[in-house]
C-alpha atoms as a PDB file:
ATOM      1  CA  MET A   1       8.992  15.776 -10.864  1.00  0.00           C
ATOM      2  CA  GLY A   2      12.159  14.051 -12.243  1.00  0.00           C
ATOM      3  CA  LYS A   3      13.013  11.162 -14.824  1.00  0.00           C
ATOM      4  CA  LEU A   4      12.626   7.664 -13.432  1.00  0.00           C
ATOM      5  CA  ILE A   5      15.614   5.778 -12.339  1.00  0.00           C
ATOM      6  CA  ASN A   6      14.843   2.226 -13.383  1.00  0.00           C
ATOM      7  CA  MET A   7      17.974   0.653 -12.359  1.00  0.00           C
ATOM      8  CA  LEU A   8      17.173  -2.566 -14.350  1.00  0.00           C
ATOM      9  CA  GLU A   9      17.739  -0.759 -17.641  1.00  0.00           C
ATOM     10  CA  LEU A  10      21.270   0.684 -17.069  1.00  0.00           C
ATOM     11  CA  ASP A  11      23.937  -0.844 -18.644  1.00  0.00           C
ATOM     12  CA  PRO A  12      26.651  -1.733 -16.035  1.00  0.00           C
ATOM     13  CA  ASP A  13      29.572  -0.615 -18.224  1.00  0.00           C
ATOM     14  CA  SER A  14      28.225   2.601 -19.479  1.00  0.00           C
ATOM     15  CA  SER A  15      28.042   5.927 -17.989  1.00  0.00           C
ATOM     16  CA  SER A  16      24.475   6.647 -17.875  1.00  0.00           C
ATOM     17  CA  TRP A  17      24.165   5.718 -14.383  1.00  0.00           C
ATOM     18  CA  PRO A  18      23.349   8.688 -12.012  1.00  0.00           C
ATOM     19  CA  SER A  19      25.436   9.529  -9.379  1.00  0.00           C
ATOM     20  CA  TRP A  20      24.729   8.593  -5.764  1.00  0.00           C
ATOM     21  CA  ALA A  21      23.965  12.249  -4.904  1.00  0.00           C
ATOM     22  CA  GLU A  22      21.333  12.347  -8.016  1.00  0.00           C
ATOM     23  CA  ALA A  23      19.790   9.387  -7.042  1.00  0.00           C
ATOM     24  CA  ASN A  24      19.587  10.349  -3.574  1.00  0.00           C
ATOM     25  CA  ARG A  25      17.968  13.496  -4.274  1.00  0.00           C
ATOM     26  CA  PHE A  26      15.534  11.845  -6.330  1.00  0.00           C
ATOM     27  CA  PHE A  27      14.842   9.370  -3.933  1.00  0.00           C
ATOM     28  CA  GLN A  28      14.478  12.278  -1.189  1.00  0.00           C
ATOM     29  CA  LYS A  29      11.863  14.184  -3.609  1.00  0.00           C
ATOM     30  CA  GLU A  30       9.820  11.415  -3.843  1.00  0.00           C
ATOM     31  CA  TYR A  31       9.436  10.384  -0.899  1.00  0.00           C
ATOM     32  CA  LEU A  32       8.603  13.609   0.272  1.00  0.00           C
ATOM     33  CA  THR A  33       6.434  14.316  -1.890  1.00  0.00           C
ATOM     34  CA  GLN A  34       4.448  11.341  -1.400  1.00  0.00           C
ATOM     35  CA  ALA A  35       3.932  11.701   2.337  1.00  0.00           C
ATOM     36  CA  LEU A  36       2.675  15.716   1.430  1.00  0.00           C
ATOM     37  CA  LYS A  37       0.456  14.220  -1.101  1.00  0.00           C
ATOM     38  CA  THR A  38      -0.714  11.304   1.370  1.00  0.00           C
ATOM     39  CA  ALA A  39      -1.179  14.646   4.073  1.00  0.00           C
ATOM     40  CA  ASN A  40      -3.066  16.476   1.520  1.00  0.00           C
ATOM     41  CA  GLY A  41      -0.013  19.082   1.868  1.00  0.00           C
ATOM     42  CA  ASN A  42      -0.243  19.537   5.733  1.00  0.00           C
ATOM     43  CA  GLN A  43       3.551  19.481   6.716  1.00  0.00           C
ATOM     44  CA  CYS A  44       2.815  18.986  10.354  1.00  0.00           C
ATOM     45  CA  LEU A  45       0.905  15.739   9.511  1.00  0.00           C
ATOM     46  CA  ALA A  46       3.520  14.898   6.873  1.00  0.00           C
ATOM     47  CA  ALA A  47       6.299  15.157   9.242  1.00  0.00           C
ATOM     48  CA  HIS A  48       4.404  12.899  11.763  1.00  0.00           C
ATOM     49  CA  LEU A  49       3.919  10.210   8.913  1.00  0.00           C
ATOM     50  CA  LEU A  50       7.813  10.459   8.571  1.00  0.00           C
ATOM     51  CA  GLY A  51       9.165  10.295  12.283  1.00  0.00           C
ATOM     52  CA  ILE A  52      10.694  13.932  11.585  1.00  0.00           C
ATOM     53  CA  HIS A  53      10.337  17.324  12.900  1.00  0.00           C
ATOM     54  CA  ARG A  54       8.192  19.785  11.067  1.00  0.00           C
ATOM     55  CA  ASN A  55      10.936  22.239  10.670  1.00  0.00           C
ATOM     56  CA  THR A  56      13.402  19.381   9.275  1.00  0.00           C
ATOM     57  CA  LEU A  57      10.608  18.932   6.711  1.00  0.00           C
ATOM     58  CA  SER A  58      10.231  22.089   5.927  1.00  0.00           C
ATOM     59  CA  ARG A  59      14.021  22.627   5.147  1.00  0.00           C
ATOM     60  CA  LEU A  60      13.965  19.777   3.611  1.00  0.00           C
ATOM     61  CA  CYS A  61      11.286  20.713   0.902  1.00  0.00           C
ATOM     62  CA  GLU A  62      13.124  23.959   0.721  1.00  0.00           C
ATOM     63  CA  SER A  63      16.359  22.771  -0.443  1.00  0.00           C
ATOM     64  CA  LEU A  64      14.841  20.042  -2.967  1.00  0.00           C
ATOM     65  CA  GLY A  65      12.495  22.652  -4.419  1.00  0.00           C
ATOM     66  CA  ILE A  66       9.022  21.373  -3.347  1.00  0.00           C
ATOM     67  CA  GLU A  67       5.883  23.109  -2.678  1.00  0.00           C
ATOM     68  CA  ALA A  68       3.893  21.681  -0.118  1.00  0.00           C
ATOM     69  CA  LYS A  69       1.022  24.388  -0.460  1.00  0.00           C
ATOM     70  CA  ALA A  70       1.070  23.156  -4.627  1.00  0.00           C
ATOM     71  CA  LEU A  71      -0.217  19.451  -3.046  1.00  0.00           C
ATOM     72  CA  ARG A  72      -2.784  20.811  -1.268  1.00  0.00           C
ATOM     73  CA  ASN A  73      -6.396  19.766  -2.649  1.00  0.00           C
ATOM     74  CA  LYS A  74      -8.825  22.815  -1.386  1.00  0.00           C
ATOM     75  CA  LYS A  75     -11.669  20.289  -0.767  1.00  0.00           C
ATOM     76  CA  LYS A  76     -10.038  18.248   2.204  1.00  0.00           C
ATOM     77  CA  GLN A  77      -7.997  21.066   4.386  1.00  0.00           C
ATOM     78  CA  VAL A  78      -6.246  19.737   7.766  1.00  0.00           C
ATOM     79  CA  HIS A  79      -5.636  21.732  10.559  1.00  0.00           C
ATOM     80  CA  LEU A  80      -3.769  21.215  13.678  1.00  0.00           C
ATOM     81  CA  SER A  81      -4.121  23.522  16.713  1.00  0.00           C
ATOM     82  CA  PRO A  82      -1.492  26.435  16.535  1.00  0.00           C
ATOM     83  CA  GLY A  83       1.451  26.348  19.122  1.00  0.00           C
ATOM     84  CA  ARG A  84       1.467  22.772  18.844  1.00  0.00           C
ATOM     85  CA  ARG A  85       5.443  21.453  19.772  1.00  0.00           C
ATOM     86  CA  ALA A  86       7.537  18.309  18.983  1.00  0.00           C
ATOM     87  CA  GLY A  87       7.162  16.105  21.946  1.00  0.00           C
ATOM     88  CA  ASP A  88       3.407  17.101  22.788  1.00  0.00           C
ATOM     89  CA  GLU A  89       0.420  14.542  22.472  1.00  0.00           C
ATOM     90  CA  VAL A  90      -0.673  14.236  19.214  1.00  0.00           C
ATOM     91  CA  PRO A  91      -4.189  15.727  18.465  1.00  0.00           C
ATOM     92  CA  TYR A  92      -7.131  12.565  18.417  1.00  0.00           C
ATOM     93  CA  ARG A  93      -8.165  13.787  14.769  1.00  0.00           C
ATOM     94  CA  VAL A  94      -4.330  13.534  13.638  1.00  0.00           C
ATOM     95  CA  ASN A  95      -4.129   9.890  14.787  1.00  0.00           C
ATOM     96  CA  ARG A  96      -7.732   9.294  12.840  1.00  0.00           C
ATOM     97  CA  LEU A  97      -5.746  10.637   9.827  1.00  0.00           C
ATOM     98  CA  VAL A  98      -2.545   8.806  10.286  1.00  0.00           C
ATOM     99  CA  ALA A  99      -4.704   5.802  10.237  1.00  0.00           C
ATOM    100  CA  ALA A 100      -6.455   6.570   7.110  1.00  0.00           C
ATOM    101  CA  ALA A 101      -3.381   7.585   5.406  1.00  0.00           C
ATOM    102  CA  GLU A 102      -1.724   4.095   6.348  1.00  0.00           C
ATOM    103  CA  ARG A 103      -4.768   2.156   5.386  1.00  0.00           C
ATOM    104  CA  VAL A 104      -4.890   3.937   2.175  1.00  0.00           C
ATOM    105  CA  SER A 105      -1.061   3.293   1.101  1.00  0.00           C
ATOM    106  CA  HIS A 106      -1.458  -0.508   2.419  1.00  0.00           C
ATOM    107  CA  ALA A 107      -4.340  -1.182   0.430  1.00  0.00           C
ATOM    108  CA  LYS A 108      -3.958  -3.468  -2.737  1.00  0.00           C
ATOM    109  CA  PRO A 109      -4.598  -1.863  -6.226  1.00  0.00           C
END
């Protein structure tokens, strides 16, 4: 990934502060990677979790150098029906996967 930016350890008088662009890029990359991991590399499901269109997610991943296929777990493949478009009703199994992902993300360690 990249280096973890801990704002508490940065000296306010030093030049070690990352630029806004660097911090924003780091956040976007981490945020999208976590969504894709939750969705098991499935871009359609990750886009649904994030509330964005799949094409937007794909373009963001390409610009940030994220490979969704590399985040897939071969044992748990999730497939959406082909031909699904933005605005279509989400299939029942996607709703179940979203609910499961939300339970996992809200679980206490």
